[in-house]
Amino acid sequence: MMNLKTQIVLLIFSFFYGFLFSIFLNINYKFIYSSNKVIKILSSFFIIIISVLAYFIGIKKINNAILHPYSILMIIIGFFVDICLHRLIAKKCKK
């Protein structure tokens, strides 16, 4: 069992990691539209490997790498909040 403080830290870390993962994917989109097929494959592979390793190193330090369903949910929520914020900012900049 994790104590409440550890759970809250894990939730906050997972939420902000969703933001970070969204940024990683935005970087990857720039490489995906490259004409070189090797660059497409290698960039996707390395960005996914680096992002997964970074998350597991973070939760290893927080709670010995125990993955809970609510931490995955917080990553997804953080990811979609980041996407919505980018769209909102883009819409405000157009005006």
C-alpha atoms as a PDB file:
ATOM      1  CA  MET A   1       0.000   0.000   0.000  1.00  0.00           C
ATOM      2  CA  MET A   2       1.147   3.480  -0.849  1.00  0.00           C
ATOM      3  CA  ASN A   3       0.561   6.316   1.524  1.00  0.00           C
ATOM      4  CA  LEU A   4      -1.518   9.301   0.435  1.00  0.00           C
ATOM      5  CA  LYS A   5       1.464  11.586  -0.171  1.00  0.00           C
ATOM      6  CA  THR A   6       3.050   9.072  -2.565  1.00  0.00           C
ATOM      7  CA  GLN A   7      -0.228   8.658  -4.442  1.00  0.00           C
ATOM      8  CA  ILE A   8      -0.643  12.407  -4.851  1.00  0.00           C
ATOM      9  CA  VAL A   9       2.939  12.794  -6.070  1.00  0.00           C
ATOM     10  CA  LEU A  10       2.375   9.955  -8.554  1.00  0.00           C
ATOM     11  CA  LEU A  11      -0.830  11.572  -9.846  1.00  0.00           C
ATOM     12  CA  ILE A  12       0.833  14.958 -10.297  1.00  0.00           C
ATOM     13  CA  PHE A  13       3.875  13.380 -11.964  1.00  0.00           C
ATOM     14  CA  SER A  14       1.657  11.360 -14.314  1.00  0.00           C
ATOM     15  CA  PHE A  15      -0.426  14.406 -15.217  1.00  0.00           C
ATOM     16  CA  PHE A  16       2.613  16.500 -16.106  1.00  0.00           C
ATOM     17  CA  TYR A  17       4.131  13.549 -17.903  1.00  0.00           C
ATOM     18  CA  GLY A  18       1.059  13.572 -20.163  1.00  0.00           C
ATOM     19  CA  PHE A  19       2.056  17.128 -21.103  1.00  0.00           C
ATOM     20  CA  LEU A  20       5.618  15.998 -21.755  1.00  0.00           C
ATOM     21  CA  PHE A  21       4.485  13.035 -23.843  1.00  0.00           C
ATOM     22  CA  SER A  22       2.350  15.353 -25.970  1.00  0.00           C
ATOM     23  CA  ILE A  23       5.406  17.527 -26.598  1.00  0.00           C
ATOM     24  CA  PHE A  24       7.439  14.438 -27.545  1.00  0.00           C
ATOM     25  CA  LEU A  25       4.779  13.441 -30.051  1.00  0.00           C
ATOM     26  CA  ASN A  26       4.682  16.951 -31.530  1.00  0.00           C
ATOM     27  CA  ILE A  27       8.437  16.712 -32.068  1.00  0.00           C
ATOM     28  CA  ASN A  28       7.976  13.296 -33.633  1.00  0.00           C
ATOM     29  CA  TYR A  29       5.387  14.647 -36.106  1.00  0.00           C
ATOM     30  CA  LYS A  30       8.079  16.851 -37.609  1.00  0.00           C
ATOM     31  CA  PHE A  31      10.199  13.762 -38.309  1.00  0.00           C
ATOM     32  CA  ILE A  32       7.303  11.607 -39.526  1.00  0.00           C
ATOM     33  CA  TYR A  33       6.684  13.918 -42.462  1.00  0.00           C
ATOM     34  CA  SER A  34      10.283  13.562 -43.577  1.00  0.00           C
ATOM     35  CA  SER A  35      10.789  11.933 -46.954  1.00  0.00           C
ATOM     36  CA  ASN A  36      13.434   9.561 -45.601  1.00  0.00           C
ATOM     37  CA  LYS A  37      11.828   6.310 -44.402  1.00  0.00           C
ATOM     38  CA  VAL A  38      14.765   5.431 -42.096  1.00  0.00           C
ATOM     39  CA  ILE A  39      14.439   8.764 -40.291  1.00  0.00           C
ATOM     40  CA  LYS A  40      10.701   8.158 -39.810  1.00  0.00           C
ATOM     41  CA  ILE A  41      11.251   4.737 -38.258  1.00  0.00           C
ATOM     42  CA  LEU A  42      14.243   5.663 -36.094  1.00  0.00           C
ATOM     43  CA  SER A  43      12.724   8.880 -34.779  1.00  0.00           C
ATOM     44  CA  SER A  44       9.484   7.138 -33.813  1.00  0.00           C
ATOM     45  CA  PHE A  45      11.368   4.298 -32.160  1.00  0.00           C
ATOM     46  CA  PHE A  46      13.703   6.532 -30.155  1.00  0.00           C
ATOM     47  CA  ILE A  47      11.053   9.013 -29.049  1.00  0.00           C
ATOM     48  CA  ILE A  48       8.786   6.238 -27.787  1.00  0.00           C
ATOM     49  CA  ILE A  49      11.648   4.382 -26.055  1.00  0.00           C
ATOM     50  CA  ILE A  50      12.951   7.562 -24.418  1.00  0.00           C
ATOM     51  CA  SER A  51       9.511   8.630 -23.246  1.00  0.00           C
ATOM     52  CA  VAL A  52       8.666   5.205 -21.788  1.00  0.00           C
ATOM     53  CA  LEU A  53      12.033   4.939 -20.044  1.00  0.00           C
ATOM     54  CA  ALA A  54      11.686   8.457 -18.637  1.00  0.00           C
ATOM     55  CA  TYR A  55       8.274   7.630 -17.188  1.00  0.00           C
ATOM     56  CA  PHE A  56       9.411   4.399 -15.599  1.00  0.00           C
ATOM     57  CA  ILE A  57      12.519   6.031 -14.133  1.00  0.00           C
ATOM     58  CA  GLY A  58      10.240   8.692 -12.636  1.00  0.00           C
ATOM     59  CA  ILE A  59       7.816   6.242 -11.089  1.00  0.00           C
ATOM     60  CA  LYS A  60      10.741   4.080  -9.925  1.00  0.00           C
ATOM     61  CA  LYS A  61      11.883   7.019  -7.814  1.00  0.00           C
ATOM     62  CA  ILE A  62       8.355   7.768  -6.596  1.00  0.00           C
ATOM     63  CA  ASN A  63       6.942   4.322  -5.742  1.00  0.00           C
ATOM     64  CA  ASN A  64       9.313   1.561  -6.901  1.00  0.00           C
ATOM     65  CA  ALA A  65       7.802   1.463 -10.422  1.00  0.00           C
ATOM     66  CA  ILE A  66       4.372   0.230  -9.395  1.00  0.00           C
ATOM     67  CA  LEU A  67       2.030   1.200 -12.203  1.00  0.00           C
ATOM     68  CA  HIS A  68      -1.571   1.914 -11.233  1.00  0.00           C
ATOM     69  CA  PRO A  69      -4.538   2.375 -13.566  1.00  0.00           C
ATOM     70  CA  TYR A  70      -5.162   5.892 -12.263  1.00  0.00           C
ATOM     71  CA  SER A  71      -1.626   6.944 -13.204  1.00  0.00           C
ATOM     72  CA  ILE A  72      -2.302   5.874 -16.798  1.00  0.00           C
ATOM     73  CA  LEU A  73      -5.574   7.800 -16.655  1.00  0.00           C
ATOM     74  CA  MET A  74      -3.701  10.902 -15.462  1.00  0.00           C
ATOM     75  CA  ILE A  75      -1.229  10.600 -18.352  1.00  0.00           C
ATOM     76  CA  ILE A  76      -4.153  10.513 -20.779  1.00  0.00           C
ATOM     77  CA  ILE A  77      -5.833  13.489 -19.088  1.00  0.00           C
ATOM     78  CA  GLY A  78      -2.577  15.473 -19.126  1.00  0.00           C
ATOM     79  CA  PHE A  79      -2.093  14.625 -22.796  1.00  0.00           C
ATOM     80  CA  PHE A  80      -5.558  15.854 -23.766  1.00  0.00           C
ATOM     81  CA  VAL A  81      -5.325  18.960 -21.579  1.00  0.00           C
ATOM     82  CA  ASP A  82      -2.097  19.868 -23.381  1.00  0.00           C
ATOM     83  CA  ILE A  83      -3.737  19.371 -26.779  1.00  0.00           C
ATOM     84  CA  CYS A  84      -6.712  21.515 -25.737  1.00  0.00           C
ATOM     85  CA  LEU A  85      -4.416  24.254 -24.426  1.00  0.00           C
ATOM     86  CA  HIS A  86      -2.470  24.311 -27.703  1.00  0.00           C
ATOM     87  CA  ARG A  87      -5.699  24.641 -29.675  1.00  0.00           C
ATOM     88  CA  LEU A  88      -6.978  27.366 -27.367  1.00  0.00           C
ATOM     89  CA  ILE A  89      -3.739  29.312 -27.657  1.00  0.00           C
ATOM     90  CA  ALA A  90      -3.703  28.898 -31.445  1.00  0.00           C
ATOM     91  CA  LYS A  91      -7.311  30.130 -31.621  1.00  0.00           C
ATOM     92  CA  LYS A  92      -6.488  33.170 -29.449  1.00  0.00           C
ATOM     93  CA  CYS A  93      -3.444  33.992 -31.597  1.00  0.00           C
ATOM     94  CA  LYS A  94      -5.525  33.947 -34.805  1.00  0.00           C
ATOM     95  CA  LYS A  95      -7.788  36.718 -33.492  1.00  0.00           C
END
